[in-house]
Amino acid sequence: MYSNFSSPFVISNTFIDDLLKSVISLFVVVNPIDKIPLFITLTEKMEKENKKLVSKNAIITTAILLTVFLR
């Protein structure tokens, strides 16, 4: 009834385990919670729109750097 063909959409437990370990490790290294007071201090005199722009740029830059250096 069932074939030996495995679907390409089936995710193995080892993949999920490795992904979870990687995400947790990156969270520990980047430590975004620790950066909140620094961001607030550095942007306290900025307008709301500028704060949004700075935060978006920081998120994009961090994502690119982590992606490049983890390869």
PDB file of N, CA and C in Angstrom:
ATOM      1  N   MET A   1       0.814  -1.186   0.000  1.00  0.00           N
ATOM      2  CA  MET A   1       0.000   0.000   0.000  1.00  0.00           C
ATOM      3  C   MET A   1       0.867   1.263   0.000  1.00  0.00           C
ATOM      4  N   TYR A   2       1.879   1.291   0.841  1.00  0.00           N
ATOM      5  CA  TYR A   2       2.771   2.445   0.878  1.00  0.00           C
ATOM      6  C   TYR A   2       4.022   2.145   0.072  1.00  0.00           C
ATOM      7  N   SER A   3       4.512   3.143  -0.623  1.00  0.00           N
ATOM      8  CA  SER A   3       5.723   2.937  -1.411  1.00  0.00           C
ATOM      9  C   SER A   3       6.954   3.377  -0.621  1.00  0.00           C
ATOM     10  N   ASN A   4       8.090   3.041  -1.129  1.00  0.00           N
ATOM     11  CA  ASN A   4       9.344   3.435  -0.499  1.00  0.00           C
ATOM     12  C   ASN A   4       9.758   4.848  -0.880  1.00  0.00           C
ATOM     13  N   PHE A   5       8.979   5.474  -1.731  1.00  0.00           N
ATOM     14  CA  PHE A   5       9.282   6.831  -2.171  1.00  0.00           C
ATOM     15  C   PHE A   5       9.059   7.798  -1.021  1.00  0.00           C
ATOM     16  N   SER A   6      10.073   8.569  -0.703  1.00  0.00           N
ATOM     17  CA  SER A   6       9.910   9.560   0.366  1.00  0.00           C
ATOM     18  C   SER A   6       9.653  10.923  -0.255  1.00  0.00           C
ATOM     19  N   SER A   7       8.762  11.628   0.309  1.00  0.00           N
ATOM     20  CA  SER A   7       8.387  12.944  -0.184  1.00  0.00           C
ATOM     21  C   SER A   7       9.506  13.941   0.097  1.00  0.00           C
ATOM     22  N   PRO A   8       9.741  14.885  -0.817  1.00  0.00           N
ATOM     23  CA  PRO A   8      10.771  15.896  -0.559  1.00  0.00           C
ATOM     24  C   PRO A   8      10.359  16.870   0.545  1.00  0.00           C
ATOM     25  N   PHE A   9       9.114  16.818   0.948  1.00  0.00           N
ATOM     26  CA  PHE A   9       8.625  17.734   1.968  1.00  0.00           C
ATOM     27  C   PHE A   9       8.711  17.157   3.376  1.00  0.00           C
ATOM     28  N   VAL A  10       9.175  15.943   3.490  1.00  0.00           N
ATOM     29  CA  VAL A  10       9.324  15.322   4.801  1.00  0.00           C
ATOM     30  C   VAL A  10      10.615  15.840   5.425  1.00  0.00           C
ATOM     31  N   ILE A  11      10.506  16.359   6.622  1.00  0.00           N
ATOM     32  CA  ILE A  11      11.668  16.898   7.324  1.00  0.00           C
ATOM     33  C   ILE A  11      12.065  15.907   8.399  1.00  0.00           C
ATOM     34  N   SER A  12      13.307  15.538   8.389  1.00  0.00           N
ATOM     35  CA  SER A  12      13.769  14.550   9.356  1.00  0.00           C
ATOM     36  C   SER A  12      13.959  15.188  10.727  1.00  0.00           C
ATOM     37  N   ASN A  13      13.937  14.349  11.731  1.00  0.00           N
ATOM     38  CA  ASN A  13      14.132  14.834  13.095  1.00  0.00           C
ATOM     39  C   ASN A  13      15.527  15.397  13.297  1.00  0.00           C
ATOM     40  N   THR A  14      16.509  14.838  12.622  1.00  0.00           N
ATOM     41  CA  THR A  14      17.870  15.356  12.779  1.00  0.00           C
ATOM     42  C   THR A  14      17.989  16.758  12.206  1.00  0.00           C
ATOM     43  N   PHE A  15      17.289  17.015  11.100  1.00  0.00           N
ATOM     44  CA  PHE A  15      17.307  18.360  10.532  1.00  0.00           C
ATOM     45  C   PHE A  15      16.696  19.358  11.505  1.00  0.00           C
ATOM     46  N   ILE A  16      15.572  19.006  12.087  1.00  0.00           N
ATOM     47  CA  ILE A  16      14.907  19.892  13.045  1.00  0.00           C
ATOM     48  C   ILE A  16      15.788  20.105  14.269  1.00  0.00           C
ATOM     49  N   ASP A  17      16.420  19.052  14.745  1.00  0.00           N
ATOM     50  CA  ASP A  17      17.325  19.180  15.894  1.00  0.00           C
ATOM     51  C   ASP A  17      18.494  20.105  15.576  1.00  0.00           C
ATOM     52  N   ASP A  18      19.102  19.917  14.410  1.00  0.00           N
ATOM     53  CA  ASP A  18      20.228  20.768  14.015  1.00  0.00           C
ATOM     54  C   ASP A  18      19.796  22.219  13.844  1.00  0.00           C
ATOM     55  N   LEU A  19      18.640  22.418  13.239  1.00  0.00           N
ATOM     56  CA  LEU A  19      18.130  23.772  13.050  1.00  0.00           C
ATOM     57  C   LEU A  19      17.861  24.446  14.384  1.00  0.00           C
ATOM     58  N   LEU A  20      17.249  23.731  15.296  1.00  0.00           N
ATOM     59  CA  LEU A  20      16.958  24.280  16.616  1.00  0.00           C
ATOM     60  C   LEU A  20      18.240  24.622  17.368  1.00  0.00           C
ATOM     61  N   LYS A  21      19.216  23.751  17.310  1.00  0.00           N
ATOM     62  CA  LYS A  21      20.502  24.023  17.962  1.00  0.00           C
ATOM     63  C   LYS A  21      21.178  25.249  17.361  1.00  0.00           C
ATOM     64  N   SER A  22      21.107  25.388  16.052  1.00  0.00           N
ATOM     65  CA  SER A  22      21.724  26.536  15.384  1.00  0.00           C
ATOM     66  C   SER A  22      21.042  27.838  15.764  1.00  0.00           C
ATOM     67  N   VAL A  23      19.721  27.827  15.775  1.00  0.00           N
ATOM     68  CA  VAL A  23      18.975  29.040  16.117  1.00  0.00           C
ATOM     69  C   VAL A  23      19.237  29.449  17.562  1.00  0.00           C
ATOM     70  N   ILE A  24      19.265  28.492  18.458  1.00  0.00           N
ATOM     71  CA  ILE A  24      19.541  28.799  19.863  1.00  0.00           C
ATOM     72  C   ILE A  24      20.959  29.334  20.017  1.00  0.00           C
ATOM     73  N   SER A  25      21.912  28.734  19.328  1.00  0.00           N
ATOM     74  CA  SER A  25      23.299  29.209  19.395  1.00  0.00           C
ATOM     75  C   SER A  25      23.422  30.633  18.875  1.00  0.00           C
ATOM     76  N   LEU A  26      22.762  30.918  17.759  1.00  0.00           N
ATOM     77  CA  LEU A  26      22.805  32.277  17.222  1.00  0.00           C
ATOM     78  C   LEU A  26      22.144  33.270  18.162  1.00  0.00           C
ATOM     79  N   PHE A  27      21.060  32.869  18.784  1.00  0.00           N
ATOM     80  CA  PHE A  27      20.377  33.745  19.728  1.00  0.00           C
ATOM     81  C   PHE A  27      21.298  34.085  20.893  1.00  0.00           C
ATOM     82  N   VAL A  28      22.055  33.101  21.357  1.00  0.00           N
ATOM     83  CA  VAL A  28      22.986  33.329  22.463  1.00  0.00           C
ATOM     84  C   VAL A  28      24.126  34.243  22.024  1.00  0.00           C
ATOM     85  N   VAL A  29      24.646  34.037  20.827  1.00  0.00           N
ATOM     86  CA  VAL A  29      25.767  34.843  20.342  1.00  0.00           C
ATOM     87  C   VAL A  29      25.340  36.282  20.088  1.00  0.00           C
ATOM     88  N   VAL A  30      24.225  36.468  19.414  1.00  0.00           N
ATOM     89  CA  VAL A  30      23.764  37.814  19.074  1.00  0.00           C
ATOM     90  C   VAL A  30      23.184  38.521  20.292  1.00  0.00           C
ATOM     91  N   ASN A  31      22.497  37.797  21.144  1.00  0.00           N
ATOM     92  CA  ASN A  31      21.909  38.304  22.380  1.00  0.00           C
ATOM     93  C   ASN A  31      21.112  39.604  22.165  1.00  0.00           C
ATOM     94  N   PRO A  32      20.003  39.529  21.441  1.00  0.00           N
ATOM     95  CA  PRO A  32      19.242  40.742  21.134  1.00  0.00           C
ATOM     96  C   PRO A  32      18.626  41.410  22.361  1.00  0.00           C
ATOM     97  N   ILE A  33      18.335  40.660  23.390  1.00  0.00           N
ATOM     98  CA  ILE A  33      17.725  41.245  24.590  1.00  0.00           C
ATOM     99  C   ILE A  33      18.706  42.190  25.274  1.00  0.00           C
ATOM    100  N   ASP A  34      19.972  41.842  25.225  1.00  0.00           N
ATOM    101  CA  ASP A  34      21.009  42.671  25.824  1.00  0.00           C
ATOM    102  C   ASP A  34      21.199  43.983  25.060  1.00  0.00           C
ATOM    103  N   LYS A  35      20.817  44.007  23.797  1.00  0.00           N
ATOM    104  CA  LYS A  35      21.026  45.191  22.952  1.00  0.00           C
ATOM    105  C   LYS A  35      19.906  46.222  23.076  1.00  0.00           C
ATOM    106  N   ILE A  36      18.814  45.879  23.697  1.00  0.00           N
ATOM    107  CA  ILE A  36      17.672  46.798  23.802  1.00  0.00           C
ATOM    108  C   ILE A  36      18.031  48.090  24.538  1.00  0.00           C
ATOM    109  N   PRO A  37      18.646  48.034  25.728  1.00  0.00           N
ATOM    110  CA  PRO A  37      19.007  49.294  26.396  1.00  0.00           C
ATOM    111  C   PRO A  37      19.982  50.140  25.577  1.00  0.00           C
ATOM    112  N   LEU A  38      20.906  49.492  24.881  1.00  0.00           N
ATOM    113  CA  LEU A  38      21.847  50.226  24.035  1.00  0.00           C
ATOM    114  C   LEU A  38      21.111  50.942  22.909  1.00  0.00           C
ATOM    115  N   PHE A  39      20.179  50.246  22.273  1.00  0.00           N
ATOM    116  CA  PHE A  39      19.401  50.858  21.192  1.00  0.00           C
ATOM    117  C   PHE A  39      18.586  52.037  21.714  1.00  0.00           C
ATOM    118  N   ILE A  40      17.957  51.861  22.857  1.00  0.00           N
ATOM    119  CA  ILE A  40      17.145  52.936  23.436  1.00  0.00           C
ATOM    120  C   ILE A  40      18.012  54.150  23.754  1.00  0.00           C
ATOM    121  N   THR A  41      19.184  53.915  24.322  1.00  0.00           N
ATOM    122  CA  THR A  41      20.087  55.014  24.671  1.00  0.00           C
ATOM    123  C   THR A  41      20.582  55.744  23.428  1.00  0.00           C
ATOM    124  N   LEU A  42      20.963  54.999  22.415  1.00  0.00           N
ATOM    125  CA  LEU A  42      21.517  55.622  21.214  1.00  0.00           C
ATOM    126  C   LEU A  42      20.474  56.336  20.362  1.00  0.00           C
ATOM    127  N   THR A  43      19.220  55.954  20.501  1.00  0.00           N
ATOM    128  CA  THR A  43      18.182  56.549  19.650  1.00  0.00           C
ATOM    129  C   THR A  43      17.170  57.386  20.426  1.00  0.00           C
ATOM    130  N   GLU A  44      17.482  57.735  21.661  1.00  0.00           N
ATOM    131  CA  GLU A  44      16.484  58.430  22.478  1.00  0.00           C
ATOM    132  C   GLU A  44      16.114  59.812  21.944  1.00  0.00           C
ATOM    133  N   LYS A  45      17.007  60.468  21.234  1.00  0.00           N
ATOM    134  CA  LYS A  45      16.706  61.810  20.719  1.00  0.00           C
ATOM    135  C   LYS A  45      16.219  61.787  19.273  1.00  0.00           C
ATOM    136  N   MET A  46      16.060  60.607  18.718  1.00  0.00           N
ATOM    137  CA  MET A  46      15.583  60.488  17.337  1.00  0.00           C
ATOM    138  C   MET A  46      14.062  60.475  17.291  1.00  0.00           C
ATOM    139  N   GLU A  47      13.552  60.870  16.133  1.00  0.00           N
ATOM    140  CA  GLU A  47      12.113  60.779  15.927  1.00  0.00           C
ATOM    141  C   GLU A  47      11.735  59.318  15.687  1.00  0.00           C
ATOM    142  N   LYS A  48      10.446  59.037  15.830  1.00  0.00           N
ATOM    143  CA  LYS A  48       9.959  57.662  15.729  1.00  0.00           C
ATOM    144  C   LYS A  48      10.283  57.036  14.371  1.00  0.00           C
ATOM    145  N   GLU A  49      10.130  57.792  13.303  1.00  0.00           N
ATOM    146  CA  GLU A  49      10.406  57.267  11.959  1.00  0.00           C
ATOM    147  C   GLU A  49      11.883  56.921  11.793  1.00  0.00           C
ATOM    148  N   ASN A  50      12.762  57.758  12.340  1.00  0.00           N
ATOM    149  CA  ASN A  50      14.197  57.475  12.258  1.00  0.00           C
ATOM    150  C   ASN A  50      14.564  56.240  13.071  1.00  0.00           C
ATOM    151  N   LYS A  51      13.911  56.055  14.216  1.00  0.00           N
ATOM    152  CA  LYS A  51      14.161  54.859  15.025  1.00  0.00           C
ATOM    153  C   LYS A  51      13.779  53.599  14.252  1.00  0.00           C
ATOM    154  N   LYS A  52      12.648  53.658  13.557  1.00  0.00           N
ATOM    155  CA  LYS A  52      12.219  52.508  12.755  1.00  0.00           C
ATOM    156  C   LYS A  52      13.226  52.212  11.654  1.00  0.00           C
ATOM    157  N   LEU A  53      13.718  53.267  11.006  1.00  0.00           N
ATOM    158  CA  LEU A  53      14.692  53.095   9.935  1.00  0.00           C
ATOM    159  C   LEU A  53      15.993  52.490  10.464  1.00  0.00           C
ATOM    160  N   VAL A  54      16.457  52.983  11.593  1.00  0.00           N
ATOM    161  CA  VAL A  54      17.689  52.461  12.195  1.00  0.00           C
ATOM    162  C   VAL A  54      17.510  51.001  12.593  1.00  0.00           C
ATOM    163  N   SER A  55      16.370  50.668  13.183  1.00  0.00           N
ATOM    164  CA  SER A  55      16.152  49.277  13.605  1.00  0.00           C
ATOM    165  C   SER A  55      16.055  48.343  12.399  1.00  0.00           C
ATOM    166  N   LYS A  56      15.390  48.775  11.328  1.00  0.00           N
ATOM    167  CA  LYS A  56      15.312  47.946  10.121  1.00  0.00           C
ATOM    168  C   LYS A  56      16.696  47.726   9.520  1.00  0.00           C
ATOM    169  N   ASN A  57      17.493  48.794   9.467  1.00  0.00           N
ATOM    170  CA  ASN A  57      18.850  48.661   8.931  1.00  0.00           C
ATOM    171  C   ASN A  57      19.691  47.722   9.785  1.00  0.00           C
ATOM    172  N   ALA A  58      19.553  47.804  11.088  1.00  0.00           N
ATOM    173  CA  ALA A  58      20.314  46.931  11.989  1.00  0.00           C
ATOM    174  C   ALA A  58      19.901  45.472  11.807  1.00  0.00           C
ATOM    175  N   ILE A  59      18.618  45.228  11.668  1.00  0.00           N
ATOM    176  CA  ILE A  59      18.127  43.859  11.484  1.00  0.00           C
ATOM    177  C   ILE A  59      18.624  43.275  10.165  1.00  0.00           C
ATOM    178  N   ILE A  60      18.530  44.054   9.107  1.00  0.00           N
ATOM    179  CA  ILE A  60      18.969  43.576   7.792  1.00  0.00           C
ATOM    180  C   ILE A  60      20.478  43.330   7.780  1.00  0.00           C
ATOM    181  N   THR A  61      21.237  44.267   8.336  1.00  0.00           N
ATOM    182  CA  THR A  61      22.693  44.115   8.387  1.00  0.00           C
ATOM    183  C   THR A  61      23.094  42.889   9.193  1.00  0.00           C
ATOM    184  N   THR A  62      22.467  42.688  10.332  1.00  0.00           N
ATOM    185  CA  THR A  62      22.773  41.526  11.169  1.00  0.00           C
ATOM    186  C   THR A  62      22.432  40.227  10.448  1.00  0.00           C
ATOM    187  N   ALA A  63      21.297  40.189   9.792  1.00  0.00           N
ATOM    188  CA  ALA A  63      20.895  38.980   9.069  1.00  0.00           C
ATOM    189  C   ALA A  63      21.880  38.655   7.947  1.00  0.00           C
ATOM    190  N   ILE A  64      22.305  39.674   7.223  1.00  0.00           N
ATOM    191  CA  ILE A  64      23.264  39.454   6.135  1.00  0.00           C
ATOM    192  C   ILE A  64      24.599  38.964   6.686  1.00  0.00           C
ATOM    193  N   LEU A  65      25.099  39.612   7.724  1.00  0.00           N
ATOM    194  CA  LEU A  65      26.386  39.213   8.301  1.00  0.00           C
ATOM    195  C   LEU A  65      26.349  37.792   8.849  1.00  0.00           C
ATOM    196  N   LEU A  66      25.286  37.445   9.549  1.00  0.00           N
ATOM    197  CA  LEU A  66      25.182  36.089  10.087  1.00  0.00           C
ATOM    198  C   LEU A  66      25.088  35.059   8.971  1.00  0.00           C
ATOM    199  N   THR A  67      24.358  35.389   7.925  1.00  0.00           N
ATOM    200  CA  THR A  67      24.222  34.467   6.806  1.00  0.00           C
ATOM    201  C   THR A  67      25.554  34.268   6.087  1.00  0.00           C
ATOM    202  N   VAL A  68      26.274  35.352   5.862  1.00  0.00           N
ATOM    203  CA  VAL A  68      27.549  35.268   5.145  1.00  0.00           C
ATOM    204  C   VAL A  68      28.598  34.525   5.965  1.00  0.00           C
ATOM    205  N   PHE A  69      28.718  34.839   7.234  1.00  0.00           N
ATOM    206  CA  PHE A  69      29.779  34.259   8.041  1.00  0.00           C
ATOM    207  C   PHE A  69      29.473  32.846   8.520  1.00  0.00           C
ATOM    208  N   LEU A  70      28.247  32.407   8.417  1.00  0.00           N
ATOM    209  CA  LEU A  70      27.919  31.048   8.829  1.00  0.00           C
ATOM    210  C   LEU A  70      28.046  30.043   7.691  1.00  0.00           C
ATOM    211  N   ARG A  71      28.286  30.519   6.505  1.00  0.00           N
ATOM    212  CA  ARG A  71      28.420  29.597   5.362  1.00  0.00           C
ATOM    213  C   ARG A  71      29.752  28.969   5.322  1.00  0.00           C
TER     214      ARG A  71
END
